[in-house]
Amino acid sequence: MIIDAHAHVCHGWEELGIPGGAEEALRLMDRHGIDIACISNSRALRHDYVAGNELVADALRRWPDRFRGYAAINPLRPEDALNELRRRLDEPGFIGMKLHVSHHQIPYTDPRHLMLIERAAQWQIPILLHTFDGAASLDQVATEVPDALLIAGHMGGYHWDRSLDVAARHPNIYLEVCCSCIEAGRLEAAVATVGANRVLFGTDLPFLDPSPWLAIVQEEAALTPAQREAVLCRNMARLARLEVV
């Protein structure tokens, strides 16, 4: 089984000519053998997060065996955001929360973000956070909320090597590998630093094609079969509370 920890459904990135509906996600998943995708709605982060979460909810209702959902949350309205998060988590298929510091322009250490992260920690749901800063933004958060299940989306981006140092200090940080910048040895370094049980396979589909990271995890990286299985499936299954045979 393959579980994608970082995927999307949305109206699409029309300005880039990329379709983004659930059907497109399924097409890519079927083509590449991805069984389940954990999805959020990117446009929700930039415009209407409630409407965006409803698109995710629709996909969860229509294809309950193929999708799990992150509720995308706007921390600029923290009380409304908390109500939206709780409402979505009471719906079938939602398993976590998505935050994106680049869109809302307040750090994850801002009290508005921390309130949401603390509540998610109480509920023990995974939090997918966009990190393109070497995960420096998660260093203090992981200390202040040690019970939070923090997924460093894109593994710190171009400064991925710095994310290894941050994650090594905090056992509640998981490294999700997908990124538009690909360097040899990136995945092996993550596994060597934090262990295979804290590294997650993700694709960022449909914005990025799944092929590169599937090839890296399945064929190119110097991993054992057990490590590959952990990265591709078992780690995210544990976070999302999915049963895997």
Foldseek 3Di string as FASTA:
>chain_A
DFEAAEEEAECAPVVVPGGGHPVQVVVLCVVLVHFAYEYFYPVCLQPPQLVRVVSVLVSCVVCVRHYAYAREFQLVPQVVRLVSRVVVVVRPRYFYHEYECVRNVDFCPPPSNLVVQLVCLVVLGAYEYEAQQQCPSCQVSCVVRVSGQYEHPCCNRPNNVSVLVSCLVHVSYAYEHEYPDDDPPSVVSNCVRNNLLRYAYHAHPPVGRSPPSCCCLVPNPPDDPVSSCNHRDVNVCVNRVHDDD
